[in-house]
C-alpha atoms as a PDB file:
ATOM      1  CA  MET A   1      27.545  26.825  23.221  1.00  0.00           C
ATOM      2  CA  ARG A   2      30.174  25.203  21.737  1.00  0.00           C
ATOM      3  CA  ILE A   3      29.436  22.416  19.513  1.00  0.00           C
ATOM      4  CA  TYR A   4      32.348  20.383  19.645  1.00  0.00           C
ATOM      5  CA  THR A   5      33.316  18.605  23.154  1.00  0.00           C
ATOM      6  CA  GLY A   6      35.606  16.357  22.108  1.00  0.00           C
ATOM      7  CA  THR A   7      33.940  13.624  24.612  1.00  0.00           C
ATOM      8  CA  GLY A   8      32.912  11.490  21.467  1.00  0.00           C
ATOM      9  CA  ASP A   9      36.765  11.237  20.370  1.00  0.00           C
ATOM     10  CA  LYS A  10      36.695   7.750  21.198  1.00  0.00           C
ATOM     11  CA  GLY A  11      33.694   6.387  20.162  1.00  0.00           C
ATOM     12  CA  GLU A  12      31.560   6.676  23.288  1.00  0.00           C
ATOM     13  CA  THR A  13      28.951   9.060  23.777  1.00  0.00           C
ATOM     14  CA  SER A  14      26.518   9.958  26.847  1.00  0.00           C
ATOM     15  CA  LEU A  15      23.195   9.052  27.134  1.00  0.00           C
ATOM     16  CA  ALA A  16      20.382  11.726  28.544  1.00  0.00           C
ATOM     17  CA  SER A  17      21.353  10.302  32.549  1.00  0.00           C
ATOM     18  CA  GLY A  18      25.004  10.631  31.746  1.00  0.00           C
ATOM     19  CA  LYS A  19      26.262   6.918  31.162  1.00  0.00           C
ATOM     20  CA  ARG A  20      28.506   6.498  28.985  1.00  0.00           C
ATOM     21  CA  VAL A  21      27.892   3.854  25.862  1.00  0.00           C
ATOM     22  CA  PRO A  22      29.338   3.203  22.445  1.00  0.00           C
ATOM     23  CA  LYS A  23      28.266   5.037  19.787  1.00  0.00           C
ATOM     24  CA  TYR A  24      26.674   2.050  18.183  1.00  0.00           C
ATOM     25  CA  HIS A  25      24.833   0.987  21.263  1.00  0.00           C
ATOM     26  CA  TYR A  26      21.533  -0.051  20.184  1.00  0.00           C
ATOM     27  CA  ARG A  27      19.215   2.986  21.719  1.00  0.00           C
ATOM     28  CA  LEU A  28      21.727   5.305  19.824  1.00  0.00           C
ATOM     29  CA  GLU A  29      21.095   2.911  16.749  1.00  0.00           C
ATOM     30  CA  ALA A  30      17.336   3.318  17.633  1.00  0.00           C
ATOM     31  CA  TYR A  31      17.213   7.584  18.149  1.00  0.00           C
ATOM     32  CA  GLY A  32      19.819   7.962  15.830  1.00  0.00           C
ATOM     33  CA  THR A  33      17.643   6.375  12.764  1.00  0.00           C
ATOM     34  CA  ILE A  34      14.764   8.599  14.568  1.00  0.00           C
ATOM     35  CA  ASP A  35      17.030  11.904  14.017  1.00  0.00           C
ATOM     36  CA  GLU A  36      17.457  10.481  10.506  1.00  0.00           C
ATOM     37  CA  LEU A  37      13.709  10.204  10.147  1.00  0.00           C
ATOM     38  CA  ASN A  38      13.632  13.864  11.194  1.00  0.00           C
ATOM     39  CA  SER A  39      15.620  14.907   8.532  1.00  0.00           C
ATOM     40  CA  VAL A  40      13.801  13.167   5.845  1.00  0.00           C
ATOM     41  CA  LEU A  41      10.654  14.715   6.761  1.00  0.00           C
ATOM     42  CA  GLY A  42      11.994  17.968   6.735  1.00  0.00           C
ATOM     43  CA  TRP A  43      13.116  17.229   2.971  1.00  0.00           C
ATOM     44  CA  ALA A  44       9.822  15.675   2.316  1.00  0.00           C
ATOM     45  CA  ARG A  45       7.906  19.138   3.826  1.00  0.00           C
ATOM     46  CA  VAL A  46      10.057  21.278   1.269  1.00  0.00           C
ATOM     47  CA  LYS A  47       9.582  18.738  -1.854  1.00  0.00           C
ATOM     48  CA  LEU A  48       5.344  18.617  -1.188  1.00  0.00           C
ATOM     49  CA  ASN A  49       3.081  21.304  -2.024  1.00  0.00           C
ATOM     50  CA  ASP A  50      -0.267  20.348  -0.196  1.00  0.00           C
ATOM     51  CA  SER A  51      -0.004  22.499   3.019  1.00  0.00           C
ATOM     52  CA  GLN A  52      -2.216  20.105   5.146  1.00  0.00           C
ATOM     53  CA  THR A  53       0.517  16.860   4.785  1.00  0.00           C
ATOM     54  CA  LYS A  54       3.138  19.933   5.284  1.00  0.00           C
ATOM     55  CA  LEU A  55       1.564  21.017   8.795  1.00  0.00           C
ATOM     56  CA  ILE A  56       1.136  17.538   9.490  1.00  0.00           C
ATOM     57  CA  LEU A  57       4.704  16.705   8.978  1.00  0.00           C
ATOM     58  CA  ARG A  58       5.798  19.613  10.698  1.00  0.00           C
ATOM     59  CA  LYS A  59       3.870  18.260  14.103  1.00  0.00           C
ATOM     60  CA  ALA A  60       5.313  14.605  12.641  1.00  0.00           C
ATOM     61  CA  GLN A  61       8.382  16.221  13.620  1.00  0.00           C
ATOM     62  CA  ASN A  62       8.015  17.305  17.027  1.00  0.00           C
ATOM     63  CA  ARG A  63       6.184  14.089  17.881  1.00  0.00           C
ATOM     64  CA  ILE A  64       9.404  12.147  16.949  1.00  0.00           C
ATOM     65  CA  PHE A  65      11.710  14.428  18.422  1.00  0.00           C
ATOM     66  CA  THR A  66       9.803  13.391  21.359  1.00  0.00           C
ATOM     67  CA  ILE A  67      10.487   9.870  21.100  1.00  0.00           C
ATOM     68  CA  SER A  68      13.987  10.236  20.254  1.00  0.00           C
ATOM     69  CA  SER A  69      14.350  11.835  23.892  1.00  0.00           C
ATOM     70  CA  PHE A  70      12.272   8.998  24.954  1.00  0.00           C
ATOM     71  CA  LEU A  71      14.507   6.595  23.574  1.00  0.00           C
ATOM     72  CA  ALA A  72      17.708   8.811  24.885  1.00  0.00           C
ATOM     73  CA  MET A  73      16.736   8.398  28.343  1.00  0.00           C
ATOM     74  CA  ASP A  74      17.300   5.240  30.683  1.00  0.00           C
ATOM     75  CA  ASP A  75      16.064   7.219  33.592  1.00  0.00           C
ATOM     76  CA  GLU A  76      12.699   6.768  34.525  1.00  0.00           C
ATOM     77  CA  SER A  77      12.463   9.667  36.161  1.00  0.00           C
ATOM     78  CA  GLN A  78      13.598  11.743  33.597  1.00  0.00           C
ATOM     79  CA  ARG A  79      10.951  10.146  30.893  1.00  0.00           C
ATOM     80  CA  ALA A  80       8.230  11.814  33.203  1.00  0.00           C
ATOM     81  CA  LYS A  81       8.858  15.433  32.554  1.00  0.00           C
ATOM     82  CA  LEU A  82       8.682  14.939  28.933  1.00  0.00           C
ATOM     83  CA  PRO A  83       5.700  15.687  26.837  1.00  0.00           C
ATOM     84  CA  SER A  84       3.703  11.984  25.711  1.00  0.00           C
ATOM     85  CA  VAL A  85       2.669  11.037  21.769  1.00  0.00           C
ATOM     86  CA  SER A  86      -1.263  10.132  22.684  1.00  0.00           C
ATOM     87  CA  GLU A  87      -3.589   8.068  20.946  1.00  0.00           C
ATOM     88  CA  ASP A  88      -5.351  12.045  19.638  1.00  0.00           C
ATOM     89  CA  ASP A  89      -1.725  11.961  17.372  1.00  0.00           C
ATOM     90  CA  ILE A  90      -1.984   8.584  15.968  1.00  0.00           C
ATOM     91  CA  ILE A  91      -5.720   9.246  14.927  1.00  0.00           C
ATOM     92  CA  GLU A  92      -4.846  12.714  13.389  1.00  0.00           C
ATOM     93  CA  LEU A  93      -2.604  10.620  11.340  1.00  0.00           C
ATOM     94  CA  GLU A  94      -5.477   8.222  10.490  1.00  0.00           C
ATOM     95  CA  GLN A  95      -7.920  11.183   9.647  1.00  0.00           C
ATOM     96  CA  ASP A  96      -5.310  13.003   7.317  1.00  0.00           C
ATOM     97  CA  ILE A  97      -4.599   9.295   5.757  1.00  0.00           C
ATOM     98  CA  ASP A  98      -8.468   9.316   4.839  1.00  0.00           C
ATOM     99  CA  ARG A  99      -8.219  12.869   3.489  1.00  0.00           C
ATOM    100  CA  MET A 100      -5.285  12.031   1.281  1.00  0.00           C
ATOM    101  CA  GLN A 101      -7.084   9.139   0.217  1.00  0.00           C
ATOM    102  CA  VAL A 102     -10.272  10.503  -1.434  1.00  0.00           C
ATOM    103  CA  GLY A 103      -9.939  10.821  -5.059  1.00  0.00           C
ATOM    104  CA  LEU A 104      -6.678   8.468  -5.639  1.00  0.00           C
ATOM    105  CA  PRO A 105      -6.822   5.268  -8.049  1.00  0.00           C
ATOM    106  CA  ALA A 106      -7.095   1.828  -6.186  1.00  0.00           C
ATOM    107  CA  LEU A 107      -4.328   0.591  -5.850  1.00  0.00           C
ATOM    108  CA  ALA A 108      -3.661  -3.141  -7.853  1.00  0.00           C
ATOM    109  CA  ASN A 109       0.101  -3.335  -7.623  1.00  0.00           C
ATOM    110  CA  PHE A 110       3.111  -2.579  -6.067  1.00  0.00           C
ATOM    111  CA  ILE A 111       4.427   0.826  -6.885  1.00  0.00           C
ATOM    112  CA  LEU A 112       8.048   2.176  -7.388  1.00  0.00           C
ATOM    113  CA  PRO A 113       9.259   4.672  -5.110  1.00  0.00           C
ATOM    114  CA  ALA A 114      10.184   6.945  -8.378  1.00  0.00           C
ATOM    115  CA  GLY A 115       8.550  10.042 -10.425  1.00  0.00           C
ATOM    116  CA  HIS A 116       8.551  13.406  -8.881  1.00  0.00           C
ATOM    117  CA  GLU A 117      11.217  14.848  -6.224  1.00  0.00           C
ATOM    118  CA  SER A 118       7.957  14.875  -4.126  1.00  0.00           C
ATOM    119  CA  VAL A 119       6.791  11.067  -4.217  1.00  0.00           C
ATOM    120  CA  ALA A 120      10.978  10.148  -3.564  1.00  0.00           C
ATOM    121  CA  ALA A 121      11.133  12.315  -0.550  1.00  0.00           C
ATOM    122  CA  CYS A 122       8.320  10.529   0.773  1.00  0.00           C
ATOM    123  CA  HIS A 123       9.239   7.665   0.004  1.00  0.00           C
ATOM    124  CA  MET A 124      12.951   8.131   0.969  1.00  0.00           C
ATOM    125  CA  ALA A 125      11.251   9.175   4.387  1.00  0.00           C
ATOM    126  CA  ARG A 126       9.089   6.238   4.664  1.00  0.00           C
ATOM    127  CA  THR A 127      11.643   3.743   4.060  1.00  0.00           C
ATOM    128  CA  VAL A 128      13.378   5.487   7.219  1.00  0.00           C
ATOM    129  CA  CYS A 129      10.301   5.412   9.369  1.00  0.00           C
ATOM    130  CA  ARG A 130      10.075   1.723   8.932  1.00  0.00           C
ATOM    131  CA  ARG A 131      13.840   1.115   9.958  1.00  0.00           C
ATOM    132  CA  ALA A 132      13.301   3.122  12.894  1.00  0.00           C
ATOM    133  CA  GLU A 133      10.507   1.266  13.759  1.00  0.00           C
ATOM    134  CA  ARG A 134      12.462  -2.168  13.577  1.00  0.00           C
ATOM    135  CA  LEU A 135      14.943  -0.892  15.503  1.00  0.00           C
ATOM    136  CA  ILE A 136      12.561   0.263  18.513  1.00  0.00           C
ATOM    137  CA  VAL A 137      11.101  -3.127  18.027  1.00  0.00           C
ATOM    138  CA  LYS A 138      14.449  -4.395  18.892  1.00  0.00           C
ATOM    139  CA  LEU A 139      15.317  -1.947  21.645  1.00  0.00           C
ATOM    140  CA  ALA A 140      11.712  -3.222  23.404  1.00  0.00           C
ATOM    141  CA  ASP A 141      13.515  -6.611  23.750  1.00  0.00           C
ATOM    142  CA  SER A 142      15.640  -5.168  26.319  1.00  0.00           C
ATOM    143  CA  VAL A 143      14.099  -1.906  27.902  1.00  0.00           C
ATOM    144  CA  GLN A 144      10.786  -0.702  28.077  1.00  0.00           C
ATOM    145  CA  VAL A 145       9.208   1.211  25.261  1.00  0.00           C
ATOM    146  CA  GLU A 146       6.201   3.417  25.029  1.00  0.00           C
ATOM    147  CA  GLN A 147       3.667   1.322  23.420  1.00  0.00           C
ATOM    148  CA  SER A 148       2.366   4.850  21.925  1.00  0.00           C
ATOM    149  CA  HIS A 149       5.599   5.198  20.544  1.00  0.00           C
ATOM    150  CA  LEU A 150       5.807   2.344  18.319  1.00  0.00           C
ATOM    151  CA  LYS A 151       2.218   2.949  17.123  1.00  0.00           C
ATOM    152  CA  TYR A 152       2.786   6.406  16.202  1.00  0.00           C
ATOM    153  CA  ILE A 153       5.841   5.675  13.837  1.00  0.00           C
ATOM    154  CA  ASN A 154       3.858   2.530  12.387  1.00  0.00           C
ATOM    155  CA  ARG A 155       1.046   4.897  11.402  1.00  0.00           C
ATOM    156  CA  LEU A 156       3.933   7.600  10.326  1.00  0.00           C
ATOM    157  CA  SER A 157       5.305   5.043   7.913  1.00  0.00           C
ATOM    158  CA  ASP A 158       1.520   4.276   6.558  1.00  0.00           C
ATOM    159  CA  TYR A 159       1.044   8.012   6.471  1.00  0.00           C
ATOM    160  CA  LEU A 160       4.298   8.778   4.119  1.00  0.00           C
ATOM    161  CA  PHE A 161       3.333   5.680   1.412  1.00  0.00           C
ATOM    162  CA  VAL A 162      -0.243   7.581   0.953  1.00  0.00           C
ATOM    163  CA  ALA A 163       1.623  11.457   0.942  1.00  0.00           C
ATOM    164  CA  ALA A 164       3.462   9.866  -1.707  1.00  0.00           C
ATOM    165  CA  ARG A 165       0.823   8.624  -3.541  1.00  0.00           C
ATOM    166  CA  LYS A 166      -1.114  11.816  -3.362  1.00  0.00           C
ATOM    167  CA  ALA A 167       2.031  13.872  -4.450  1.00  0.00           C
ATOM    168  CA  ALA A 168       2.100  11.920  -7.737  1.00  0.00           C
ATOM    169  CA  PHE A 169      -1.427  12.320  -8.008  1.00  0.00           C
ATOM    170  CA  ASP A 170      -1.430  16.294  -7.133  1.00  0.00           C
ATOM    171  CA  THR A 171       1.781  16.566  -9.419  1.00  0.00           C
ATOM    172  CA  GLY A 172       0.218  14.452 -12.270  1.00  0.00           C
ATOM    173  CA  THR A 173       2.701  12.169 -12.138  1.00  0.00           C
ATOM    174  CA  GLU A 174       2.423   8.527 -13.274  1.00  0.00           C
ATOM    175  CA  GLU A 175       2.732   6.059 -10.334  1.00  0.00           C
ATOM    176  CA  GLU A 176       5.429   3.573 -11.538  1.00  0.00           C
ATOM    177  CA  LEU A 177       4.001  -0.010 -11.011  1.00  0.00           C
ATOM    178  CA  TRP A 178       6.220  -3.002 -10.352  1.00  0.00           C
ATOM    179  CA  TYR A 179       5.632  -5.934 -12.383  1.00  0.00           C
ATOM    180  CA  PRO A 180       6.367  -9.144 -11.865  1.00  0.00           C
ATOM    181  CA  ASP A 181       7.148 -10.260 -15.072  1.00  0.00           C
ATOM    182  CA  TYR A 182       9.358  -7.038 -15.717  1.00  0.00           C
ATOM    183  CA  GLN A 183      11.986  -8.899 -17.904  1.00  0.00           C
ATOM    184  CA  LYS A 184       9.528  -9.731 -20.219  1.00  0.00           C
ATOM    185  CA  ARG A 185       8.555  -6.108 -20.612  1.00  0.00           C
ATOM    186  CA  GLY A 186      11.791  -4.949 -21.153  1.00  0.00           C
ATOM    187  CA  PHE A 187      12.664  -3.211 -18.243  1.00  0.00           C
END
């Protein structure tokens, strides 16, 4: 299989149906960002030590690949052949959020996405996840989007926030708090 085909050299690509669209097409923006999310999830997995979180993120990579496939398909009949993202997948994220929160200090301030590499990796994944969510919501204004996909992506961003906090706790890294009066504090 050749990696390069030359068919996109003029700024167009094909959707799963074969329909040619410009590379800035709203579907490509959505599933391209999902692809980016998949990459940063892989990076976060490398940086994390918690085996359960790493397993959940591996599963998440598979789920969001499914979501990406749905977004790339503009032919309803093709979508029926794909696996689905289920309510059980969302519940699994919620249950692991609950597991990770046990023992974490209460959060009274916003936190800065910094500290240990594993913390920063989770926050990077979280922000890409939020962008993917915004683009999928925008796409849903013009095409049918599975509600379970939106819900999963929303919950995954929550998951990544808590995973960052847990990574800070596990590595003994103090969370960096945001202070509205930071100038008075000399930051």
